[in-house]
Amino acid sequence: MEKQIVLVVGGAGFIGSHMLKMLAQSGYHTVCLDNLSTGYRNAVHYGELVIGDLADINCLEQLFTKYNFSGVIHFASYIRVEESVSNPAKYYQNNLHNTLNLLNTMVHHNVSSFIFSSTAAIYGDPKYSPIDEIHPKLPINPYGRSKWMVEQILEDYDHAYGLKSVRLRYFNAAGADPNGKLSERHIPETHLIPLVLQAASGQRPNIKVFGQDYDTPDGTCIRDYIHVDDLCMAHLLALKKIWSTQQSHAYNLGNGTGFSVLDVIDEARKVTGRKFPVIMAKRRPGDPSILVADSSLAKRELNWQPKYFTLKDMMTHAWNVLGRIEN
């Protein structure tokens, strides 16, 4: 029996590269499509790498003609909220228009299983916490709106063309490959855990804490962090669910436990054994006090259970690979 072939779009990035590893180790043949604008060629350790862009319809047609894909997992989005506000055209072009190119190619080639990397940003300012899937969808920036637009398009494509999707709305991806082969690499880096570890390693002079007067136990923002391997497992389980049920779904992915900014800093000091300067700064506009996921639906319907759910796990795995992989 031939291996099923899974296309991973954006597979040279942080989560995508970990996804390629998990798929390969689970017995699937993988093809990675990436334009390497934010990803890295040396992050693709498994399967085939095709350098191309979702904006190139001819590239997509050739790819889907060559391979008989059983499913598509889509990670190739821009993710910087601040940039989406200053340059919304970039986000609507890539996150929305280019995704439409991919979906239309899938429909044309009768590939009907799609896993979409969505985001908690579709919910906007939380009305309650933890946030479940029925929470109002009121994104407050172009990044969140671009993701929510795609989710609505996916519902329409299901009804019209039978394209089945699972939309995975995750909170804060963190950690790294437990075996030390893959890591998080963003330029510029905007995620808290790698920023704190860079301060611990001396790669940056300090870490800034934006706001100490939030309605939380220590006054700093609380966020829900989820290990990248646990995210990938959810994607794999979601793909299998589409194949078995031929139904579309949407799930939140998080630990259901929030950690404050000071919690992250304290854990970094423990894991690294290093001290580093912490600068207290004013609040940033638009930062909610608490963002925590209710992931009970994913646990129940996907039989998904986070494996690396402690801050220590995520911090240790990220620290173990920091600085090992050259750009």
C-alpha atoms as a PDB file:
ATOM      1  CA  MET A   1       0.000   0.000   0.000  1.00  0.00           C
ATOM      2  CA  GLU A   2       1.406   3.386  -1.018  1.00  0.00           C
ATOM      3  CA  LYS A   3       1.978   6.025   1.614  1.00  0.00           C
ATOM      4  CA  GLN A   4      -0.520   8.852   1.805  1.00  0.00           C
ATOM      5  CA  ILE A   5       0.973  12.146   0.635  1.00  0.00           C
ATOM      6  CA  VAL A   6       0.387  15.265   2.728  1.00  0.00           C
ATOM      7  CA  LEU A   7       1.195  18.771   1.494  1.00  0.00           C
ATOM      8  CA  VAL A   8       2.496  21.078   4.220  1.00  0.00           C
ATOM      9  CA  VAL A   9       2.381  24.695   3.084  1.00  0.00           C
ATOM     10  CA  GLY A  10       4.824  26.796   5.073  1.00  0.00           C
ATOM     11  CA  GLY A  11       6.660  23.688   6.232  1.00  0.00           C
ATOM     12  CA  ALA A  12       9.996  25.493   6.528  1.00  0.00           C
ATOM     13  CA  GLY A  13       8.707  27.611   9.412  1.00  0.00           C
ATOM     14  CA  PHE A  14       8.517  26.983  13.155  1.00  0.00           C
ATOM     15  CA  ILE A  15       5.389  24.852  13.463  1.00  0.00           C
ATOM     16  CA  GLY A  16       5.523  23.548   9.878  1.00  0.00           C
ATOM     17  CA  SER A  17       8.988  22.008  10.278  1.00  0.00           C
ATOM     18  CA  HIS A  18       7.878  20.187  13.425  1.00  0.00           C
ATOM     19  CA  MET A  19       4.776  19.027  11.539  1.00  0.00           C
ATOM     20  CA  LEU A  20       6.900  17.520   8.763  1.00  0.00           C
ATOM     21  CA  LYS A  21       8.833  15.534  11.347  1.00  0.00           C
ATOM     22  CA  MET A  22       5.703  14.182  13.024  1.00  0.00           C
ATOM     23  CA  LEU A  23       4.061  13.227   9.725  1.00  0.00           C
ATOM     24  CA  ALA A  24       7.183  11.446   8.490  1.00  0.00           C
ATOM     25  CA  GLN A  25       7.579   9.552  11.744  1.00  0.00           C
ATOM     26  CA  SER A  26       3.883   8.591  11.534  1.00  0.00           C
ATOM     27  CA  GLY A  27       4.392   6.944   8.135  1.00  0.00           C
ATOM     28  CA  TYR A  28       3.264   9.662   5.713  1.00  0.00           C
ATOM     29  CA  HIS A  29       5.075  11.012   2.675  1.00  0.00           C
ATOM     30  CA  THR A  30       5.407  14.785   2.927  1.00  0.00           C
ATOM     31  CA  VAL A  31       5.832  17.585   0.436  1.00  0.00           C
ATOM     32  CA  CYS A  32       6.713  21.023   1.769  1.00  0.00           C
ATOM     33  CA  LEU A  33       5.796  24.121  -0.224  1.00  0.00           C
ATOM     34  CA  ASP A  34       7.540  27.243   1.052  1.00  0.00           C
ATOM     35  CA  ASN A  35       8.820  30.470  -0.474  1.00  0.00           C
ATOM     36  CA  LEU A  36      11.472  30.741   2.291  1.00  0.00           C
ATOM     37  CA  SER A  37      10.509  34.344   3.020  1.00  0.00           C
ATOM     38  CA  THR A  38      10.327  33.568   6.728  1.00  0.00           C
ATOM     39  CA  GLY A  39      11.175  29.863   6.732  1.00  0.00           C
ATOM     40  CA  TYR A  40      14.529  28.109   6.453  1.00  0.00           C
ATOM     41  CA  ARG A  41      15.694  25.535   3.960  1.00  0.00           C
ATOM     42  CA  ASN A  42      17.697  23.729   6.670  1.00  0.00           C
ATOM     43  CA  ALA A  43      14.554  23.339   8.797  1.00  0.00           C
ATOM     44  CA  VAL A  44      13.089  20.872   6.275  1.00  0.00           C
ATOM     45  CA  HIS A  45      14.554  17.590   7.482  1.00  0.00           C
ATOM     46  CA  TYR A  46      11.826  15.328   6.124  1.00  0.00           C
ATOM     47  CA  GLY A  47      10.155  14.754   2.767  1.00  0.00           C
ATOM     48  CA  GLU A  48      10.488  16.906  -0.325  1.00  0.00           C
ATOM     49  CA  LEU A  49      10.937  20.664  -0.421  1.00  0.00           C
ATOM     50  CA  VAL A  50       9.359  22.643  -3.249  1.00  0.00           C
ATOM     51  CA  ILE A  51      10.329  26.308  -3.275  1.00  0.00           C
ATOM     52  CA  GLY A  52       7.310  28.191  -4.503  1.00  0.00           C
ATOM     53  CA  ASP A  53       4.638  30.704  -3.591  1.00  0.00           C
ATOM     54  CA  LEU A  54       0.883  30.481  -3.141  1.00  0.00           C
ATOM     55  CA  ALA A  55       0.629  33.594  -5.305  1.00  0.00           C
ATOM     56  CA  ASP A  56       1.930  31.513  -8.233  1.00  0.00           C
ATOM     57  CA  ILE A  57      -1.086  29.644  -9.578  1.00  0.00           C
ATOM     58  CA  ASN A  58       1.013  27.832 -12.182  1.00  0.00           C
ATOM     59  CA  CYS A  59       3.240  26.487  -9.407  1.00  0.00           C
ATOM     60  CA  LEU A  60       0.193  25.204  -7.544  1.00  0.00           C
ATOM     61  CA  GLU A  61      -1.252  23.585 -10.667  1.00  0.00           C
ATOM     62  CA  GLN A  62       2.018  21.788 -11.388  1.00  0.00           C
ATOM     63  CA  LEU A  63       2.302  20.629  -7.789  1.00  0.00           C
ATOM     64  CA  PHE A  64      -1.240  19.235  -7.590  1.00  0.00           C
ATOM     65  CA  THR A  65      -0.871  17.610 -11.023  1.00  0.00           C
ATOM     66  CA  LYS A  66       2.349  15.856  -9.977  1.00  0.00           C
ATOM     67  CA  TYR A  67       1.154  14.580  -6.589  1.00  0.00           C
ATOM     68  CA  ASN A  68      -2.041  12.895  -5.475  1.00  0.00           C
ATOM     69  CA  PHE A  69      -2.399  14.631  -2.131  1.00  0.00           C
ATOM     70  CA  SER A  70      -4.525  13.055   0.583  1.00  0.00           C
ATOM     71  CA  GLY A  71      -4.604  16.262   2.581  1.00  0.00           C
ATOM     72  CA  VAL A  72      -3.202  19.774   2.922  1.00  0.00           C
ATOM     73  CA  ILE A  73      -1.995  21.512   6.082  1.00  0.00           C
ATOM     74  CA  HIS A  74      -1.640  25.283   5.743  1.00  0.00           C
ATOM     75  CA  PHE A  75       0.813  27.272   7.906  1.00  0.00           C
ATOM     76  CA  ALA A  76       1.937  29.914   5.389  1.00  0.00           C
ATOM     77  CA  SER A  77       0.542  33.078   6.950  1.00  0.00           C
ATOM     78  CA  TYR A  78       2.024  36.313   8.171  1.00  0.00           C
ATOM     79  CA  ILE A  79       1.524  36.526  11.936  1.00  0.00           C
ATOM     80  CA  ARG A  80       2.739  39.897  13.268  1.00  0.00           C
ATOM     81  CA  VAL A  81      -0.228  41.814  14.646  1.00  0.00           C
ATOM     82  CA  GLU A  82       1.498  45.214  14.706  1.00  0.00           C
ATOM     83  CA  GLU A  83       2.635  44.829  11.100  1.00  0.00           C
ATOM     84  CA  SER A  84      -0.873  43.881  10.017  1.00  0.00           C
ATOM     85  CA  VAL A  85      -2.116  47.217  11.366  1.00  0.00           C
ATOM     86  CA  SER A  86       0.550  49.258   9.578  1.00  0.00           C
ATOM     87  CA  ASN A  87       0.475  47.209   6.359  1.00  0.00           C
ATOM     88  CA  PRO A  88      -2.911  45.481   6.037  1.00  0.00           C
ATOM     89  CA  ALA A  89      -2.504  44.976   2.278  1.00  0.00           C
ATOM     90  CA  LYS A  90       0.354  42.543   2.908  1.00  0.00           C
ATOM     91  CA  TYR A  91      -1.836  40.471   5.216  1.00  0.00           C
ATOM     92  CA  TYR A  92      -4.939  40.409   3.064  1.00  0.00           C
ATOM     93  CA  GLN A  93      -2.856  39.555  -0.005  1.00  0.00           C
ATOM     94  CA  ASN A  94      -1.040  36.646   1.617  1.00  0.00           C
ATOM     95  CA  ASN A  95      -3.333  35.361   4.338  1.00  0.00           C
ATOM     96  CA  LEU A  96      -6.548  35.752   2.362  1.00  0.00           C
ATOM     97  CA  HIS A  97      -5.952  36.018  -1.395  1.00  0.00           C
ATOM     98  CA  ASN A  98      -3.128  33.484  -1.567  1.00  0.00           C
ATOM     99  CA  THR A  99      -5.100  31.052   0.587  1.00  0.00           C
ATOM    100  CA  LEU A 100      -7.947  31.351  -1.930  1.00  0.00           C
ATOM    101  CA  ASN A 101      -5.494  30.321  -4.653  1.00  0.00           C
ATOM    102  CA  LEU A 102      -4.682  27.206  -2.638  1.00  0.00           C
ATOM    103  CA  LEU A 103      -8.322  26.362  -1.930  1.00  0.00           C
ATOM    104  CA  ASN A 104      -9.348  26.826  -5.578  1.00  0.00           C
ATOM    105  CA  THR A 105      -6.523  24.545  -6.695  1.00  0.00           C
ATOM    106  CA  MET A 106      -7.628  21.931  -4.175  1.00  0.00           C
ATOM    107  CA  VAL A 107     -11.198  22.062  -5.478  1.00  0.00           C
ATOM    108  CA  HIS A 108      -9.983  21.814  -9.076  1.00  0.00           C
ATOM    109  CA  HIS A 109      -7.949  18.692  -8.240  1.00  0.00           C
ATOM    110  CA  ASN A 110     -10.564  17.101  -5.964  1.00  0.00           C
ATOM    111  CA  VAL A 111      -8.420  17.296  -2.823  1.00  0.00           C
ATOM    112  CA  SER A 112     -10.979  17.679  -0.066  1.00  0.00           C
ATOM    113  CA  SER A 113      -9.130  17.506   3.286  1.00  0.00           C
ATOM    114  CA  PHE A 114      -7.732  20.776   4.635  1.00  0.00           C
ATOM    115  CA  ILE A 115      -6.240  21.698   8.016  1.00  0.00           C
ATOM    116  CA  PHE A 116      -6.088  25.436   8.622  1.00  0.00           C
ATOM    117  CA  SER A 117      -3.770  27.133  11.077  1.00  0.00           C
ATOM    118  CA  SER A 118      -6.082  29.722  12.592  1.00  0.00           C
ATOM    119  CA  THR A 119      -5.686  31.815  15.714  1.00  0.00           C
ATOM    120  CA  ALA A 120      -7.249  32.981  18.958  1.00  0.00           C
ATOM    121  CA  ALA A 121      -7.005  36.493  17.479  1.00  0.00           C
ATOM    122  CA  ILE A 122     -10.339  35.874  15.739  1.00  0.00           C
ATOM    123  CA  TYR A 123     -12.035  36.341  19.127  1.00  0.00           C
ATOM    124  CA  GLY A 124     -10.705  39.857  19.711  1.00  0.00           C
ATOM    125  CA  ASP A 125     -10.967  41.234  23.237  1.00  0.00           C
ATOM    126  CA  PRO A 126     -12.258  38.334  25.358  1.00  0.00           C
ATOM    127  CA  LYS A 127     -15.755  38.632  26.787  1.00  0.00           C
ATOM    128  CA  TYR A 128     -15.031  35.777  29.199  1.00  0.00           C
ATOM    129  CA  SER A 129     -12.259  33.338  30.060  1.00  0.00           C
ATOM    130  CA  PRO A 130     -11.426  30.597  29.337  1.00  0.00           C
ATOM    131  CA  ILE A 131     -12.421  31.135  25.710  1.00  0.00           C
ATOM    132  CA  ASP A 132     -14.444  28.405  24.007  1.00  0.00           C
ATOM    133  CA  GLU A 133     -15.347  27.958  20.339  1.00  0.00           C
ATOM    134  CA  ILE A 134     -18.706  29.730  20.625  1.00  0.00           C
ATOM    135  CA  HIS A 135     -17.136  32.923  21.956  1.00  0.00           C
ATOM    136  CA  PRO A 136     -18.065  35.915  19.723  1.00  0.00           C
ATOM    137  CA  LYS A 137     -15.731  36.388  16.762  1.00  0.00           C
ATOM    138  CA  LEU A 138     -14.739  40.064  16.882  1.00  0.00           C
ATOM    139  CA  PRO A 139     -11.145  40.375  15.638  1.00  0.00           C
ATOM    140  CA  ILE A 140      -9.604  43.779  16.303  1.00  0.00           C
ATOM    141  CA  ASN A 141      -6.739  43.805  13.774  1.00  0.00           C
ATOM    142  CA  PRO A 142      -6.173  42.839  10.123  1.00  0.00           C
ATOM    143  CA  TYR A 143      -4.257  39.698  11.137  1.00  0.00           C
ATOM    144  CA  GLY A 144      -7.209  38.339  13.106  1.00  0.00           C
ATOM    145  CA  ARG A 145      -9.692  39.490  10.471  1.00  0.00           C
ATOM    146  CA  SER A 146      -7.739  37.760   7.681  1.00  0.00           C
ATOM    147  CA  LYS A 147      -7.898  34.476   9.590  1.00  0.00           C
ATOM    148  CA  TRP A 148     -11.590  34.835  10.411  1.00  0.00           C
ATOM    149  CA  MET A 149     -12.376  35.633   6.769  1.00  0.00           C
ATOM    150  CA  VAL A 150     -10.664  32.409   5.692  1.00  0.00           C
ATOM    151  CA  GLU A 151     -12.624  30.447   8.293  1.00  0.00           C
ATOM    152  CA  GLN A 152     -15.893  31.807   6.873  1.00  0.00           C
ATOM    153  CA  ILE A 153     -14.745  31.043   3.329  1.00  0.00           C
ATOM    154  CA  LEU A 154     -13.998  27.481   4.391  1.00  0.00           C
ATOM    155  CA  GLU A 155     -17.578  27.070   5.587  1.00  0.00           C
ATOM    156  CA  ASP A 156     -18.820  28.285   2.193  1.00  0.00           C
ATOM    157  CA  TYR A 157     -16.435  25.964   0.322  1.00  0.00           C
ATOM    158  CA  ASP A 158     -17.638  23.035   2.388  1.00  0.00           C
ATOM    159  CA  HIS A 159     -21.260  23.717   1.497  1.00  0.00           C
ATOM    160  CA  ALA A 160     -20.598  24.469  -2.174  1.00  0.00           C
ATOM    161  CA  TYR A 161     -17.721  22.151  -3.099  1.00  0.00           C
ATOM    162  CA  GLY A 162     -17.473  19.551  -0.348  1.00  0.00           C
ATOM    163  CA  LEU A 163     -14.064  20.814   0.800  1.00  0.00           C
ATOM    164  CA  LYS A 164     -13.772  19.574   4.385  1.00  0.00           C
ATOM    165  CA  SER A 165     -11.655  21.518   6.852  1.00  0.00           C
ATOM    166  CA  VAL A 166     -10.588  21.621  10.447  1.00  0.00           C
ATOM    167  CA  ARG A 167      -9.803  25.115  11.700  1.00  0.00           C
ATOM    168  CA  LEU A 168      -7.401  25.014  14.632  1.00  0.00           C
ATOM    169  CA  ARG A 169      -7.453  28.202  16.678  1.00  0.00           C
ATOM    170  CA  TYR A 170      -4.373  28.211  18.807  1.00  0.00           C
ATOM    171  CA  PHE A 171      -3.108  30.525  21.415  1.00  0.00           C
ATOM    172  CA  ASN A 172       0.666  30.934  22.057  1.00  0.00           C
ATOM    173  CA  ALA A 173       2.877  28.348  20.355  1.00  0.00           C
ATOM    174  CA  ALA A 174       6.033  27.677  22.363  1.00  0.00           C
ATOM    175  CA  GLY A 175       8.809  25.183  23.031  1.00  0.00           C
ATOM    176  CA  ALA A 176      10.900  23.302  20.489  1.00  0.00           C
ATOM    177  CA  ASP A 177      11.717  19.815  19.272  1.00  0.00           C
ATOM    178  CA  PRO A 178      12.361  17.717  22.418  1.00  0.00           C
ATOM    179  CA  ASN A 179      15.216  16.003  20.560  1.00  0.00           C
ATOM    180  CA  GLY A 180      16.933  19.316  19.916  1.00  0.00           C
ATOM    181  CA  LYS A 181      16.831  19.268  16.103  1.00  0.00           C
ATOM    182  CA  LEU A 182      14.332  22.055  15.409  1.00  0.00           C
ATOM    183  CA  SER A 183      13.574  25.387  17.022  1.00  0.00           C
ATOM    184  CA  GLU A 184      11.646  28.639  16.805  1.00  0.00           C
ATOM    185  CA  ARG A 185      13.286  31.218  14.511  1.00  0.00           C
ATOM    186  CA  HIS A 186      11.483  34.462  13.772  1.00  0.00           C
ATOM    187  CA  ILE A 187      13.090  37.645  12.457  1.00  0.00           C
ATOM    188  CA  PRO A 188      12.206  39.848  14.186  1.00  0.00           C
ATOM    189  CA  GLU A 189      11.281  37.719  17.188  1.00  0.00           C
ATOM    190  CA  THR A 190       8.019  38.742  18.836  1.00  0.00           C
ATOM    191  CA  HIS A 191       7.155  35.765  21.056  1.00  0.00           C
ATOM    192  CA  LEU A 192       7.791  36.120  24.777  1.00  0.00           C
ATOM    193  CA  ILE A 193       9.537  32.839  25.600  1.00  0.00           C
ATOM    194  CA  PRO A 194      12.270  33.084  22.931  1.00  0.00           C
ATOM    195  CA  LEU A 195      12.704  36.785  23.740  1.00  0.00           C
ATOM    196  CA  VAL A 196      13.277  35.964  27.413  1.00  0.00           C
ATOM    197  CA  LEU A 197      15.700  33.183  26.523  1.00  0.00           C
ATOM    198  CA  GLN A 198      17.591  35.497  24.207  1.00  0.00           C
ATOM    199  CA  ALA A 199      17.979  37.871  27.140  1.00  0.00           C
ATOM    200  CA  ALA A 200      19.228  34.976  29.286  1.00  0.00           C
ATOM    201  CA  SER A 201      21.751  33.995  26.619  1.00  0.00           C
ATOM    202  CA  GLY A 202      23.021  37.541  26.147  1.00  0.00           C
ATOM    203  CA  GLN A 203      21.659  37.846  22.603  1.00  0.00           C
ATOM    204  CA  ARG A 204      19.606  40.847  23.710  1.00  0.00           C
ATOM    205  CA  PRO A 205      20.388  43.286  26.524  1.00  0.00           C
ATOM    206  CA  ASN A 206      17.171  42.872  28.519  1.00  0.00           C
ATOM    207  CA  ILE A 207      13.533  41.851  28.487  1.00  0.00           C
ATOM    208  CA  LYS A 208      10.734  44.404  28.686  1.00  0.00           C
ATOM    209  CA  VAL A 209       7.554  43.875  30.681  1.00  0.00           C
ATOM    210  CA  PHE A 210       4.723  45.924  29.212  1.00  0.00           C
ATOM    211  CA  GLY A 211       2.354  46.826  32.020  1.00  0.00           C
ATOM    212  CA  GLN A 212       2.278  45.819  35.687  1.00  0.00           C
ATOM    213  CA  ASP A 213      -1.221  47.024  36.586  1.00  0.00           C
ATOM    214  CA  TYR A 214      -3.425  44.429  34.911  1.00  0.00           C
ATOM    215  CA  ASP A 215      -6.181  42.692  36.851  1.00  0.00           C
ATOM    216  CA  THR A 216      -4.082  39.569  37.441  1.00  0.00           C
ATOM    217  CA  PRO A 217      -2.364  38.191  40.571  1.00  0.00           C
ATOM    218  CA  ASP A 218       1.016  39.781  39.780  1.00  0.00           C
ATOM    219  CA  GLY A 219      -0.224  42.646  37.587  1.00  0.00           C
ATOM    220  CA  THR A 220       1.222  41.301  34.309  1.00  0.00           C
ATOM    221  CA  CYS A 221      -0.628  39.785  31.355  1.00  0.00           C
ATOM    222  CA  ILE A 222      -1.538  36.102  31.457  1.00  0.00           C
ATOM    223  CA  ARG A 223      -1.314  33.950  28.343  1.00  0.00           C
ATOM    224  CA  ASP A 224      -1.926  30.303  27.459  1.00  0.00           C
ATOM    225  CA  TYR A 225       1.204  28.614  26.046  1.00  0.00           C
ATOM    226  CA  ILE A 226       1.071  25.376  24.080  1.00  0.00           C
ATOM    227  CA  HIS A 227       4.036  23.227  23.089  1.00  0.00           C
ATOM    228  CA  VAL A 228       4.720  22.993  19.356  1.00  0.00           C
ATOM    229  CA  ASP A 229       4.725  19.174  19.453  1.00  0.00           C
ATOM    230  CA  ASP A 230       1.294  19.194  21.074  1.00  0.00           C
ATOM    231  CA  LEU A 231       0.082  21.550  18.351  1.00  0.00           C
ATOM    232  CA  CYS A 232       1.388  19.212  15.674  1.00  0.00           C
ATOM    233  CA  MET A 233      -0.289  16.215  17.267  1.00  0.00           C
ATOM    234  CA  ALA A 234      -3.589  18.103  17.154  1.00  0.00           C
ATOM    235  CA  HIS A 235      -3.073  18.743  13.424  1.00  0.00           C
ATOM    236  CA  LEU A 236      -2.378  15.060  12.798  1.00  0.00           C
ATOM    237  CA  LEU A 237      -5.437  13.979  14.777  1.00  0.00           C
ATOM    238  CA  ALA A 238      -7.540  16.577  12.938  1.00  0.00           C
ATOM    239  CA  LEU A 239      -6.413  15.234   9.568  1.00  0.00           C
ATOM    240  CA  LYS A 240      -7.321  11.698  10.583  1.00  0.00           C
ATOM    241  CA  LYS A 241     -10.714  12.919  11.797  1.00  0.00           C
ATOM    242  CA  ILE A 242     -11.496  14.495   8.435  1.00  0.00           C
ATOM    243  CA  TRP A 243     -10.543  11.278   6.667  1.00  0.00           C
ATOM    244  CA  SER A 244     -12.735   9.192   8.961  1.00  0.00           C
ATOM    245  CA  THR A 245     -15.791  11.451   9.315  1.00  0.00           C
ATOM    246  CA  GLN A 246     -15.752  13.661   6.192  1.00  0.00           C
ATOM    247  CA  GLN A 247     -16.984  16.533   8.348  1.00  0.00           C
ATOM    248  CA  SER A 248     -15.644  20.008   9.065  1.00  0.00           C
ATOM    249  CA  HIS A 249     -14.832  21.229  12.562  1.00  0.00           C
ATOM    250  CA  ALA A 250     -13.213  24.086  14.519  1.00  0.00           C
ATOM    251  CA  TYR A 251     -11.221  23.687  17.722  1.00  0.00           C
ATOM    252  CA  ASN A 252      -9.343  25.835  20.206  1.00  0.00           C
ATOM    253  CA  LEU A 253      -5.880  24.600  21.145  1.00  0.00           C
ATOM    254  CA  GLY A 254      -4.275  25.589  24.413  1.00  0.00           C
ATOM    255  CA  ASN A 255      -3.309  24.164  27.775  1.00  0.00           C
ATOM    256  CA  GLY A 256      -6.185  25.775  29.621  1.00  0.00           C
ATOM    257  CA  THR A 257      -3.621  27.159  32.066  1.00  0.00           C
ATOM    258  CA  GLY A 258      -2.374  30.708  31.957  1.00  0.00           C
ATOM    259  CA  PHE A 259       1.094  31.938  32.830  1.00  0.00           C
ATOM    260  CA  SER A 260       1.920  35.571  33.517  1.00  0.00           C
ATOM    261  CA  VAL A 261       4.842  37.450  32.010  1.00  0.00           C
ATOM    262  CA  LEU A 262       6.609  37.312  35.381  1.00  0.00           C
ATOM    263  CA  ASP A 263       5.942  33.554  35.564  1.00  0.00           C
ATOM    264  CA  VAL A 264       7.771  33.155  32.259  1.00  0.00           C
ATOM    265  CA  ILE A 265      10.692  35.288  33.422  1.00  0.00           C
ATOM    266  CA  ASP A 266      10.988  33.391  36.707  1.00  0.00           C
ATOM    267  CA  GLU A 267      10.935  30.027  34.937  1.00  0.00           C
ATOM    268  CA  ALA A 268      13.576  31.197  32.466  1.00  0.00           C
ATOM    269  CA  ARG A 269      15.886  32.082  35.340  1.00  0.00           C
ATOM    270  CA  LYS A 270      15.352  28.639  36.873  1.00  0.00           C
ATOM    271  CA  VAL A 271      15.870  26.714  33.622  1.00  0.00           C
ATOM    272  CA  THR A 272      18.887  28.671  32.429  1.00  0.00           C
ATOM    273  CA  GLY A 273      20.465  29.415  35.781  1.00  0.00           C
ATOM    274  CA  ARG A 274      21.174  32.929  34.533  1.00  0.00           C
ATOM    275  CA  LYS A 275      20.227  36.423  35.547  1.00  0.00           C
ATOM    276  CA  PHE A 276      19.262  39.122  33.063  1.00  0.00           C
ATOM    277  CA  PRO A 277      17.897  42.677  33.269  1.00  0.00           C
ATOM    278  CA  VAL A 278      14.131  43.186  33.298  1.00  0.00           C
ATOM    279  CA  ILE A 279      12.809  46.599  32.240  1.00  0.00           C
ATOM    280  CA  MET A 280       9.352  47.678  33.369  1.00  0.00           C
ATOM    281  CA  ALA A 281       7.514  49.569  30.630  1.00  0.00           C
ATOM    282  CA  LYS A 282       4.065  51.022  30.006  1.00  0.00           C
ATOM    283  CA  ARG A 283       1.164  48.949  28.741  1.00  0.00           C
ATOM    284  CA  ARG A 284       0.851  48.377  25.027  1.00  0.00           C
ATOM    285  CA  PRO A 285      -2.520  49.306  23.535  1.00  0.00           C
ATOM    286  CA  GLY A 286      -4.815  46.363  22.875  1.00  0.00           C
ATOM    287  CA  ASP A 287      -3.217  43.811  25.225  1.00  0.00           C
ATOM    288  CA  PRO A 288      -6.001  41.946  27.085  1.00  0.00           C
ATOM    289  CA  SER A 289      -5.312  41.000  30.700  1.00  0.00           C
ATOM    290  CA  ILE A 290      -5.978  37.290  30.250  1.00  0.00           C
ATOM    291  CA  LEU A 291      -6.124  34.998  27.208  1.00  0.00           C
ATOM    292  CA  VAL A 292      -6.695  31.371  28.133  1.00  0.00           C
ATOM    293  CA  ALA A 293      -8.199  28.628  25.974  1.00  0.00           C
ATOM    294  CA  ASP A 294     -10.977  26.203  26.709  1.00  0.00           C
ATOM    295  CA  SER A 295      -9.744  23.199  24.691  1.00  0.00           C
ATOM    296  CA  SER A 296     -12.181  20.657  26.086  1.00  0.00           C
ATOM    297  CA  LEU A 297     -13.855  20.177  22.687  1.00  0.00           C
ATOM    298  CA  ALA A 298     -10.565  19.198  21.001  1.00  0.00           C
ATOM    299  CA  LYS A 299      -9.730  16.859  23.867  1.00  0.00           C
ATOM    300  CA  ARG A 300     -13.131  15.224  23.645  1.00  0.00           C
ATOM    301  CA  GLU A 301     -13.584  14.966  19.862  1.00  0.00           C
ATOM    302  CA  LEU A 302      -9.963  14.532  18.725  1.00  0.00           C
ATOM    303  CA  ASN A 303      -8.846  12.528  21.744  1.00  0.00           C
ATOM    304  CA  TRP A 304      -6.076  15.109  22.039  1.00  0.00           C
ATOM    305  CA  GLN A 305      -4.115  15.541  25.231  1.00  0.00           C
ATOM    306  CA  PRO A 306      -1.159  17.924  25.630  1.00  0.00           C
ATOM    307  CA  LYS A 307       1.999  16.045  26.578  1.00  0.00           C
ATOM    308  CA  TYR A 308       4.316  18.941  27.404  1.00  0.00           C
ATOM    309  CA  PHE A 309       1.988  21.141  29.409  1.00  0.00           C
ATOM    310  CA  THR A 310       4.320  22.689  31.967  1.00  0.00           C
ATOM    311  CA  LEU A 311       6.137  25.958  31.439  1.00  0.00           C
ATOM    312  CA  LYS A 312       9.331  24.135  32.465  1.00  0.00           C
ATOM    313  CA  ASP A 313       8.928  21.635  29.601  1.00  0.00           C
ATOM    314  CA  MET A 314       8.452  24.347  27.007  1.00  0.00           C
ATOM    315  CA  MET A 315      11.231  26.512  28.369  1.00  0.00           C
ATOM    316  CA  THR A 316      13.711  23.633  28.677  1.00  0.00           C
ATOM    317  CA  HIS A 317      13.164  22.380  25.125  1.00  0.00           C
ATOM    318  CA  ALA A 318      13.522  25.898  23.706  1.00  0.00           C
ATOM    319  CA  TRP A 319      16.663  26.571  25.760  1.00  0.00           C
ATOM    320  CA  ASN A 320      18.273  23.296  24.703  1.00  0.00           C
ATOM    321  CA  VAL A 321      18.297  24.299  21.042  1.00  0.00           C
ATOM    322  CA  LEU A 322      18.861  28.042  21.381  1.00  0.00           C
ATOM    323  CA  GLY A 323      21.797  29.108  19.252  1.00  0.00           C
ATOM    324  CA  ARG A 324      22.484  25.646  17.808  1.00  0.00           C
ATOM    325  CA  ILE A 325      20.894  26.237  14.417  1.00  0.00           C
ATOM    326  CA  GLU A 326      22.553  28.785  12.178  1.00  0.00           C
ATOM    327  CA  ASN A 327      20.471  31.044   9.961  1.00  0.00           C
END
